Amino acid sequence: MQIENCIALVTGANGGLGQYYVEALRSQGAAKIYACARNPDSLANLVAKDPSKIIPITLEITDEQSVKQAVSLCQDITLLINNAGVGFNQGLIAATDLSKARMEIEVNYLGTLIVCRAFAPVLKQNQGGAIINMVSMVARVNLPFNGSYSASKAATLSLTQGVRAELASQGTLVIAVLPATIDIGMGKSYPEPKVSPEEVVREALQAVVDGVEDVYPGEQAKQMAAQLLKDPKSLEKIVAMMLPTSTP
């Protein structure tokens, strides 16, 4: 599959990596890009860059009615990018309550699943296409000071594998993107090294072209993936030292 002339839908297009995905798709020649956000007004500056190609769509990924409405408007997509997500930098035991952990599961796991389920028939009717799910290296090794987010991303990785298996027969490529620290959003407060958002998006879109199912953008993610193959317990112990700063 090529990015040029594809028709893409990007969730969470109004911030974080979303705007970088939209801009990269446009620069690589996508025919149309549905930019999705809960508040379409937040997409105004992005849409203004190329209103003939960038189409704003109202979408709340945890609301099945909102997702159904988006499906009715976007019947021509060939590339689905599940980018929307939330994270709160809290531990599992140290968190004062479970409200934010529930939200991370609701958005990162269930929201992504709702969107995959809704758009799978659309991709099938359009010769299979591809799905990109933004996951994270913390899906594979828990980062304790962001423990509940890590757990939600582990669930997202598992659902990605399951969706991949179920959609293989219709020819849909399902990609898990697992960066480590991205130099954007909550990653700004994390220590070096970091990967640029441009590099994350570039490697993710190249995976579509190359048919790669799991991609680890940036040197940090690649090194961690290699260490997980060689000595997973050692990496777990290193990351385990990054504990939350407060207790309930």
Protein backbone atom coordinates (compact mmCIF):
# COMPACT_ATOMS: atom_id res chain seq x y z
CA MET A 1 0.00 0.00 0.00
CA GLN A 2 1.19 3.50 -0.82
CA ILE A 3 0.56 6.70 1.11
CA GLU A 4 0.23 8.65 -2.11
CA ASN A 5 -3.45 8.84 -3.12
CA CYS A 6 -4.63 7.03 0.02
CA ILE A 7 -7.65 8.31 1.93
CA ALA A 8 -6.80 8.50 5.63
CA LEU A 9 -8.63 9.14 8.88
CA VAL A 10 -6.67 10.38 11.90
CA THR A 11 -8.20 10.37 15.39
CA GLY A 12 -6.96 12.95 17.89
CA ALA A 13 -5.83 15.16 15.01
CA ASN A 14 -5.98 18.38 17.01
CA GLY A 15 -2.93 17.79 19.19
CA GLY A 16 0.02 15.62 20.06
CA LEU A 17 1.07 13.44 17.15
CA GLY A 18 -2.19 13.96 15.30
CA GLN A 19 -1.22 17.15 13.55
CA TYR A 20 2.10 15.61 12.52
CA TYR A 21 0.27 12.67 10.96
CA VAL A 22 -2.01 15.01 9.02
CA GLU A 23 0.88 17.13 7.77
CA ALA A 24 2.95 14.08 6.78
CA LEU A 25 0.03 12.51 4.93
CA ARG A 26 -0.52 15.73 3.03
CA SER A 27 3.17 16.08 2.13
CA GLN A 28 3.30 12.46 0.94
CA GLY A 29 0.37 12.95 -1.41
CA ALA A 30 -2.65 11.51 0.38
CA ALA A 31 -5.77 12.23 -1.64
CA LYS A 32 -7.92 13.10 1.39
CA ILE A 33 -7.39 13.28 5.13
CA TYR A 34 -10.24 13.17 7.63
CA ALA A 35 -8.95 15.02 10.69
CA CYS A 36 -10.96 14.01 13.75
CA ALA A 37 -11.40 15.65 17.13
CA ARG A 38 -14.06 15.97 19.81
CA ASN A 39 -14.21 19.71 19.09
CA PRO A 40 -13.93 20.40 15.34
CA ASP A 41 -13.20 24.09 16.03
CA SER A 42 -9.83 23.01 17.41
CA LEU A 43 -8.92 21.80 13.91
CA ALA A 44 -9.36 25.19 12.22
CA ASN A 45 -5.66 26.03 11.87
CA LEU A 46 -4.83 22.56 10.61
CA VAL A 47 -7.64 22.50 8.05
CA ALA A 48 -6.65 25.97 6.82
CA LYS A 49 -3.35 24.56 5.55
CA ASP A 50 -5.19 22.64 2.80
CA PRO A 51 -8.99 22.78 3.06
CA SER A 52 -9.42 20.88 -0.19
CA LYS A 53 -7.74 17.80 1.31
CA ILE A 54 -8.12 18.10 5.11
CA ILE A 55 -11.70 17.45 6.18
CA PRO A 56 -12.67 18.13 9.83
CA ILE A 57 -14.79 15.46 11.51
CA THR A 58 -16.38 15.52 14.95
CA LEU A 59 -15.43 12.31 16.75
CA GLU A 60 -15.47 11.12 20.36
CA ILE A 61 -13.93 7.68 20.16
CA THR A 62 -15.54 6.39 23.35
CA ASP A 63 -19.04 7.29 22.10
CA GLU A 64 -20.35 4.61 19.75
CA GLN A 65 -22.95 6.95 18.25
CA SER A 66 -20.28 9.52 17.47
CA VAL A 67 -18.17 6.81 15.84
CA LYS A 68 -21.12 5.57 13.77
CA GLN A 69 -21.71 9.10 12.53
CA ALA A 70 -18.07 9.38 11.49
CA VAL A 71 -18.30 6.05 9.67
CA SER A 72 -21.30 7.30 7.71
CA LEU A 73 -19.28 10.33 6.57
CA CYS A 74 -16.03 8.50 5.82
CA GLN A 75 -16.95 5.49 3.69
CA ASP A 76 -13.94 5.86 1.39
CA ILE A 77 -11.02 5.50 3.81
CA THR A 78 -8.13 3.14 3.10
CA LEU A 79 -5.93 4.06 6.08
CA LEU A 80 -7.16 4.35 9.68
CA ILE A 81 -4.80 5.96 12.20
CA ASN A 82 -5.85 5.45 15.82
CA ASN A 83 -3.87 8.23 17.44
CA ALA A 84 -6.25 9.59 20.11
CA GLY A 85 -5.24 8.77 23.66
CA VAL A 86 -4.83 10.06 27.20
CA GLY A 87 -2.25 9.65 29.94
CA PHE A 88 -1.95 11.10 33.44
CA ASN A 89 1.53 10.20 34.74
CA GLN A 90 0.26 8.34 37.78
CA GLY A 91 1.20 5.12 39.50
CA LEU A 92 -1.02 2.13 40.11
CA ILE A 93 -0.86 2.11 43.91
CA ALA A 94 0.20 5.74 44.36
CA ALA A 95 -2.87 7.14 42.57
CA THR A 96 -5.41 8.66 44.94
CA ASP A 97 -8.27 6.84 43.18
CA LEU A 98 -9.01 4.89 39.99
CA SER A 99 -10.83 7.59 38.04
CA LYS A 100 -7.90 8.42 35.75
CA ALA A 101 -6.95 4.77 35.31
CA ARG A 102 -10.50 4.08 34.17
CA MET A 103 -10.31 6.96 31.72
CA GLU A 104 -7.03 5.65 30.27
CA ILE A 105 -8.61 2.24 29.72
CA GLU A 106 -11.79 3.81 28.34
CA VAL A 107 -9.94 5.93 25.79
CA ASN A 108 -6.71 4.08 24.99
CA TYR A 109 -8.14 0.56 24.91
CA LEU A 110 -11.92 0.63 24.50
CA GLY A 111 -12.00 3.75 22.32
CA THR A 112 -9.43 2.27 19.95
CA LEU A 113 -11.37 -0.99 19.85
CA ILE A 114 -14.66 0.80 19.10
CA VAL A 115 -13.06 2.62 16.17
CA CYS A 116 -11.40 -0.54 14.81
CA ARG A 117 -14.69 -2.44 14.96
CA ALA A 118 -16.62 0.35 13.28
CA PHE A 119 -14.22 0.94 10.40
CA ALA A 120 -13.22 -2.69 9.70
CA PRO A 121 -16.14 -3.18 7.23
CA VAL A 122 -15.24 0.10 5.48
CA LEU A 123 -11.65 -1.04 4.98
CA LYS A 124 -12.89 -4.40 3.71
CA GLN A 125 -15.05 -2.77 1.05
CA ASN A 126 -12.04 -0.65 0.03
CA GLN A 127 -9.70 -3.60 -0.68
CA GLY A 128 -8.38 -4.05 2.85
CA GLY A 129 -6.25 -1.01 3.52
CA ALA A 130 -4.37 -0.57 6.79
CA ILE A 131 -4.78 0.38 10.44
CA ILE A 132 -2.11 2.13 12.49
CA ASN A 133 -2.55 1.89 16.25
CA MET A 134 -0.41 4.21 18.37
CA VAL A 135 0.80 2.01 21.21
CA SER A 136 4.02 2.63 23.22
CA MET A 137 7.08 0.80 24.51
CA VAL A 138 5.45 0.97 27.95
CA ALA A 139 2.97 -1.58 26.60
CA ARG A 140 5.84 -4.07 26.79
CA VAL A 141 7.55 -2.94 29.99
CA ASN A 142 5.64 -1.01 32.66
CA LEU A 143 6.90 2.43 33.63
CA PRO A 144 5.81 2.65 37.28
CA PHE A 145 5.43 6.44 37.53
CA ASN A 146 3.00 6.15 34.61
CA GLY A 147 1.79 2.70 35.57
CA SER A 148 -1.90 2.83 34.71
CA TYR A 149 -1.18 4.39 31.32
CA SER A 150 1.33 1.60 30.69
CA ALA A 151 -1.32 -0.99 31.55
CA SER A 152 -3.83 0.63 29.18
CA LYS A 153 -1.26 0.56 26.38
CA ALA A 154 -0.52 -3.10 27.11
CA ALA A 155 -4.22 -3.72 26.53
CA THR A 156 -4.00 -1.71 23.30
CA LEU A 157 -1.09 -3.83 22.09
CA SER A 158 -3.02 -7.02 22.80
CA LEU A 159 -6.11 -5.74 20.99
CA THR A 160 -3.90 -4.77 18.04
CA GLN A 161 -2.64 -8.34 17.79
CA GLY A 162 -6.18 -9.71 18.02
CA VAL A 163 -7.59 -7.30 15.44
CA ARG A 164 -4.65 -8.14 13.16
CA ALA A 165 -5.54 -11.82 13.32
CA GLU A 166 -9.26 -11.25 12.72
CA LEU A 167 -8.74 -8.87 9.78
CA ALA A 168 -5.97 -10.80 8.03
CA SER A 169 -8.46 -12.61 5.81
CA GLN A 170 -9.81 -9.32 4.43
CA GLY A 171 -6.31 -8.10 3.59
CA THR A 172 -6.10 -5.36 6.23
CA LEU A 173 -2.59 -4.61 7.51
CA VAL A 174 -2.69 -3.80 11.25
CA ILE A 175 0.36 -1.97 12.62
CA ALA A 176 1.44 -1.38 16.21
CA VAL A 177 3.65 1.69 16.63
CA LEU A 178 5.74 1.44 19.80
CA PRO A 179 7.91 4.50 20.40
CA ALA A 180 9.65 5.19 23.70
CA THR A 181 9.84 8.82 24.84
CA ILE A 182 8.47 11.26 22.26
CA ASP A 183 9.60 14.88 22.42
CA ILE A 184 6.05 16.18 22.62
CA GLY A 185 3.22 16.53 25.15
CA MET A 186 3.84 14.73 28.42
CA GLY A 187 7.14 13.45 27.03
CA LYS A 188 8.57 16.97 27.32
CA SER A 189 9.06 16.40 31.06
CA TYR A 190 10.79 13.04 30.60
CA PRO A 191 14.58 12.65 30.58
CA GLU A 192 16.56 12.17 27.39
CA PRO A 193 16.86 10.43 24.99
CA LYS A 194 13.72 11.26 23.03
CA VAL A 195 12.45 10.71 19.51
CA SER A 196 10.99 13.54 17.47
CA PRO A 197 7.30 13.37 16.52
CA GLU A 198 8.31 13.73 12.88
CA GLU A 199 10.43 10.56 13.10
CA VAL A 200 7.63 8.61 14.78
CA VAL A 201 5.19 9.52 12.03
CA ARG A 202 7.72 8.92 9.27
CA GLU A 203 8.52 5.40 10.48
CA ALA A 204 4.85 4.59 11.06
CA LEU A 205 3.82 5.61 7.54
CA GLN A 206 6.81 3.78 6.07
CA ALA A 207 5.59 0.64 7.84
CA VAL A 208 2.37 0.92 5.82
CA VAL A 209 4.39 0.99 2.60
CA ASP A 210 6.69 -1.85 3.67
CA GLY A 211 4.00 -4.04 5.25
CA VAL A 212 5.67 -4.05 8.68
CA GLU A 213 3.38 -5.03 11.56
CA ASP A 214 5.38 -3.73 14.56
CA VAL A 215 7.50 -0.60 14.35
CA TYR A 216 9.79 0.89 17.02
CA PRO A 217 10.50 4.52 16.06
CA GLY A 218 13.71 6.02 17.37
CA GLU A 219 16.93 4.56 18.75
CA GLN A 220 15.66 4.31 22.33
CA ALA A 221 12.69 2.14 21.35
CA LYS A 222 14.83 -0.06 19.11
CA GLN A 223 17.36 -0.62 21.90
CA MET A 224 14.63 -1.45 24.41
CA ALA A 225 12.99 -3.89 21.99
CA ALA A 226 16.34 -5.63 21.48
CA GLN A 227 16.93 -5.81 25.23
CA LEU A 228 13.47 -7.31 25.77
CA LEU A 229 14.47 -10.14 23.44
CA LYS A 230 17.85 -10.62 25.12
CA ASP A 231 17.14 -10.04 28.83
CA PRO A 232 13.57 -8.86 29.58
CA LYS A 233 13.88 -9.14 33.35
CA SER A 234 16.92 -6.87 33.41
CA LEU A 235 15.08 -4.15 31.51
CA GLU A 236 12.05 -4.53 33.79
CA LYS A 237 14.26 -3.98 36.85
CA ILE A 238 15.89 -0.88 35.32
CA VAL A 239 12.56 0.72 34.42
CA ALA A 240 11.11 -0.30 37.81
CA MET A 241 13.36 2.27 39.49
CA MET A 242 11.28 5.07 37.93
CA LEU A 243 8.68 5.18 40.70
CA PRO A 244 5.84 7.62 41.33
CA THR A 245 6.65 10.40 43.77
CA SER A 246 3.56 10.18 45.97
CA THR A 247 1.52 7.55 47.76
CA PRO A 248 -2.20 7.52 48.64
